[in-house]
Amino acid sequence: MHGNRRWFLRAAIASAIALSSGCATTESREFARELNPLVGRADQTYFIEKYGEPDKRSSPTPGTDIWEYTFGRQNMANHGAHVNLTTSTLVRLTFKNGTLSAWQATNRMY
């Protein structure tokens, strides 16, 4: 019976990873389609109007701001997985003198 539990746990974790990676990849592509045309054009006001206040802000150098937003937070237990695993996509926006200069989307599991 102990071996059976281990197998089910591994299957649940593998399913959760497969579910999250498939959905997160699609979400990252959507961010690419949306954000790539805005690099060098959109200002910080645009993103506040679209997404609201960022979850985190930092200014590593004068004239450079980095904002972080977390999107798509999902608990895998809500999708039938028997593990306490949450997935999300972290989007980091870098602004130079108030204009979007770069972005990065990272899929996370925790």
C-alpha atoms as a PDB file:
ATOM      1  CA  MET A   1       0.000   0.000   0.000  1.00  0.00           C
ATOM      2  CA  HIS A   2       2.880   2.379   0.805  1.00  0.00           C
ATOM      3  CA  GLY A   3       4.225   1.992  -2.750  1.00  0.00           C
ATOM      4  CA  ASN A   4       0.776   2.766  -4.135  1.00  0.00           C
ATOM      5  CA  ARG A   5       0.632   6.078  -2.257  1.00  0.00           C
ATOM      6  CA  ARG A   6       4.037   7.066  -3.562  1.00  0.00           C
ATOM      7  CA  TRP A   7       2.946   6.276  -7.127  1.00  0.00           C
ATOM      8  CA  PHE A   8      -0.227   8.365  -6.748  1.00  0.00           C
ATOM      9  CA  LEU A   9       1.755  11.260  -5.268  1.00  0.00           C
ATOM     10  CA  ARG A  10       4.234  11.174  -8.158  1.00  0.00           C
ATOM     11  CA  ALA A  11       1.388  10.997 -10.681  1.00  0.00           C
ATOM     12  CA  ALA A  12      -0.353  13.970  -9.040  1.00  0.00           C
ATOM     13  CA  ILE A  13       2.828  16.051  -9.065  1.00  0.00           C
ATOM     14  CA  ALA A  14       3.554  15.131 -12.690  1.00  0.00           C
ATOM     15  CA  SER A  15      -0.003  16.065 -13.657  1.00  0.00           C
ATOM     16  CA  ALA A  16       0.263  19.380 -11.834  1.00  0.00           C
ATOM     17  CA  ILE A  17       3.519  20.200 -13.589  1.00  0.00           C
ATOM     18  CA  ALA A  18       2.080  19.244 -16.974  1.00  0.00           C
ATOM     19  CA  LEU A  19      -1.059  21.318 -16.381  1.00  0.00           C
ATOM     20  CA  SER A  20       0.839  24.350 -15.183  1.00  0.00           C
ATOM     21  CA  SER A  21       3.514  24.295 -17.850  1.00  0.00           C
ATOM     22  CA  GLY A  22       1.003  23.979 -20.681  1.00  0.00           C
ATOM     23  CA  CYS A  23      -1.158  26.836 -19.402  1.00  0.00           C
ATOM     24  CA  ALA A  24       1.763  29.026 -18.430  1.00  0.00           C
ATOM     25  CA  THR A  25       3.396  28.696 -21.840  1.00  0.00           C
ATOM     26  CA  THR A  26       0.204  29.884 -23.510  1.00  0.00           C
ATOM     27  CA  GLU A  27      -0.016  32.770 -21.066  1.00  0.00           C
ATOM     28  CA  SER A  28       3.606  33.764 -21.762  1.00  0.00           C
ATOM     29  CA  ARG A  29       2.889  33.830 -25.482  1.00  0.00           C
ATOM     30  CA  GLU A  30      -0.108  36.056 -24.855  1.00  0.00           C
ATOM     31  CA  PHE A  31       2.101  38.469 -22.907  1.00  0.00           C
ATOM     32  CA  ALA A  32       4.609  38.479 -25.775  1.00  0.00           C
ATOM     33  CA  ARG A  33       1.893  39.385 -28.294  1.00  0.00           C
ATOM     34  CA  GLU A  34       0.621  42.115 -26.014  1.00  0.00           C
ATOM     35  CA  LEU A  35       3.871  43.605 -24.667  1.00  0.00           C
ATOM     36  CA  ASN A  36       6.355  43.402 -27.555  1.00  0.00           C
ATOM     37  CA  PRO A  37       4.634  46.188 -29.554  1.00  0.00           C
ATOM     38  CA  LEU A  38       4.613  48.401 -26.443  1.00  0.00           C
ATOM     39  CA  VAL A  39       8.387  48.384 -25.828  1.00  0.00           C
ATOM     40  CA  GLY A  40       9.668  51.923 -26.358  1.00  0.00           C
ATOM     41  CA  ARG A  41       6.113  53.290 -26.618  1.00  0.00           C
ATOM     42  CA  ALA A  42       4.027  52.711 -23.482  1.00  0.00           C
ATOM     43  CA  ASP A  43       4.540  54.672 -20.286  1.00  0.00           C
ATOM     44  CA  GLN A  44       3.913  53.754 -16.668  1.00  0.00           C
ATOM     45  CA  THR A  45       0.475  55.391 -16.661  1.00  0.00           C
ATOM     46  CA  TYR A  46      -0.652  52.990 -19.378  1.00  0.00           C
ATOM     47  CA  PHE A  47       0.199  49.961 -17.213  1.00  0.00           C
ATOM     48  CA  ILE A  48      -1.437  51.394 -14.108  1.00  0.00           C
ATOM     49  CA  GLU A  49      -4.627  51.976 -16.098  1.00  0.00           C
ATOM     50  CA  LYS A  50      -4.470  48.480 -17.636  1.00  0.00           C
ATOM     51  CA  TYR A  51      -3.267  46.318 -14.704  1.00  0.00           C
ATOM     52  CA  GLY A  52      -3.533  48.543 -11.631  1.00  0.00           C
ATOM     53  CA  GLU A  53      -0.753  49.164  -9.153  1.00  0.00           C
ATOM     54  CA  PRO A  54       2.148  46.680  -9.412  1.00  0.00           C
ATOM     55  CA  ASP A  55       2.694  44.069  -6.697  1.00  0.00           C
ATOM     56  CA  LYS A  56       6.291  45.232  -6.285  1.00  0.00           C
ATOM     57  CA  ARG A  57       8.333  48.248  -7.402  1.00  0.00           C
ATOM     58  CA  SER A  58      12.065  48.890  -7.325  1.00  0.00           C
ATOM     59  CA  SER A  59      14.456  51.511  -8.729  1.00  0.00           C
ATOM     60  CA  PRO A  60      17.912  49.941  -9.077  1.00  0.00           C
ATOM     61  CA  THR A  61      19.396  53.050 -10.753  1.00  0.00           C
ATOM     62  CA  PRO A  62      18.212  56.623 -11.342  1.00  0.00           C
ATOM     63  CA  GLY A  63      15.800  56.673 -14.285  1.00  0.00           C
ATOM     64  CA  THR A  64      15.201  52.892 -14.153  1.00  0.00           C
ATOM     65  CA  ASP A  65      12.103  51.389 -12.545  1.00  0.00           C
ATOM     66  CA  ILE A  66      11.180  47.728 -12.317  1.00  0.00           C
ATOM     67  CA  TRP A  67       7.593  46.722 -11.694  1.00  0.00           C
ATOM     68  CA  GLU A  68       6.342  43.209 -10.980  1.00  0.00           C
ATOM     69  CA  TYR A  69       2.846  41.836 -11.464  1.00  0.00           C
ATOM     70  CA  THR A  70       1.604  38.332 -10.634  1.00  0.00           C
ATOM     71  CA  PHE A  71      -1.041  36.862 -12.945  1.00  0.00           C
ATOM     72  CA  GLY A  72      -2.959  33.593 -13.217  1.00  0.00           C
ATOM     73  CA  ARG A  73      -2.457  32.361  -9.658  1.00  0.00           C
ATOM     74  CA  GLN A  74      -3.973  28.846  -9.540  1.00  0.00           C
ATOM     75  CA  ASN A  75      -3.991  26.242  -6.812  1.00  0.00           C
ATOM     76  CA  MET A  76      -3.566  22.824  -8.442  1.00  0.00           C
ATOM     77  CA  ALA A  77      -5.712  21.207  -5.720  1.00  0.00           C
ATOM     78  CA  ASN A  78      -8.648  23.064  -7.296  1.00  0.00           C
ATOM     79  CA  HIS A  79      -7.948  21.131 -10.517  1.00  0.00           C
ATOM     80  CA  GLY A  80      -7.967  17.651  -8.990  1.00  0.00           C
ATOM     81  CA  ALA A  81      -4.303  17.373  -7.965  1.00  0.00           C
ATOM     82  CA  HIS A  82      -3.724  15.904  -4.528  1.00  0.00           C
ATOM     83  CA  VAL A  83      -0.864  18.263  -3.712  1.00  0.00           C
ATOM     84  CA  ASN A  84      -0.668  21.772  -2.302  1.00  0.00           C
ATOM     85  CA  LEU A  85       0.927  23.435  -5.313  1.00  0.00           C
ATOM     86  CA  THR A  86       0.210  26.900  -6.696  1.00  0.00           C
ATOM     87  CA  THR A  87       1.234  28.220 -10.099  1.00  0.00           C
ATOM     88  CA  SER A  88       1.383  31.772 -11.430  1.00  0.00           C
ATOM     89  CA  THR A  89       3.110  33.959 -13.992  1.00  0.00           C
ATOM     90  CA  LEU A  90       5.369  36.760 -12.802  1.00  0.00           C
ATOM     91  CA  VAL A  91       5.636  39.630 -15.286  1.00  0.00           C
ATOM     92  CA  ARG A  92       8.528  42.024 -14.734  1.00  0.00           C
ATOM     93  CA  LEU A  93       8.389  45.352 -16.579  1.00  0.00           C
ATOM     94  CA  THR A  94      11.499  47.545 -16.858  1.00  0.00           C
ATOM     95  CA  PHE A  95      11.056  51.254 -17.516  1.00  0.00           C
ATOM     96  CA  LYS A  96      13.758  53.707 -18.581  1.00  0.00           C
ATOM     97  CA  ASN A  97      12.772  57.307 -17.906  1.00  0.00           C
ATOM     98  CA  GLY A  98       9.133  56.240 -17.541  1.00  0.00           C
ATOM     99  CA  THR A  99       8.858  54.274 -20.825  1.00  0.00           C
ATOM    100  CA  LEU A 100       8.734  50.470 -21.113  1.00  0.00           C
ATOM    101  CA  SER A 101      12.171  49.282 -22.245  1.00  0.00           C
ATOM    102  CA  ALA A 102      11.967  45.529 -21.548  1.00  0.00           C
ATOM    103  CA  TRP A 103       9.763  42.862 -20.027  1.00  0.00           C
ATOM    104  CA  GLN A 104      10.068  39.287 -18.816  1.00  0.00           C
ATOM    105  CA  ALA A 105       7.443  36.631 -17.972  1.00  0.00           C
ATOM    106  CA  THR A 106       8.409  33.803 -15.653  1.00  0.00           C
ATOM    107  CA  ASN A 107       6.254  30.796 -14.778  1.00  0.00           C
ATOM    108  CA  ARG A 108       6.374  29.928 -11.096  1.00  0.00           C
ATOM    109  CA  MET A 109       5.342  26.992  -8.937  1.00  0.00           C
ATOM    110  CA  TYR A 110       5.316  27.168  -5.164  1.00  0.00           C
END
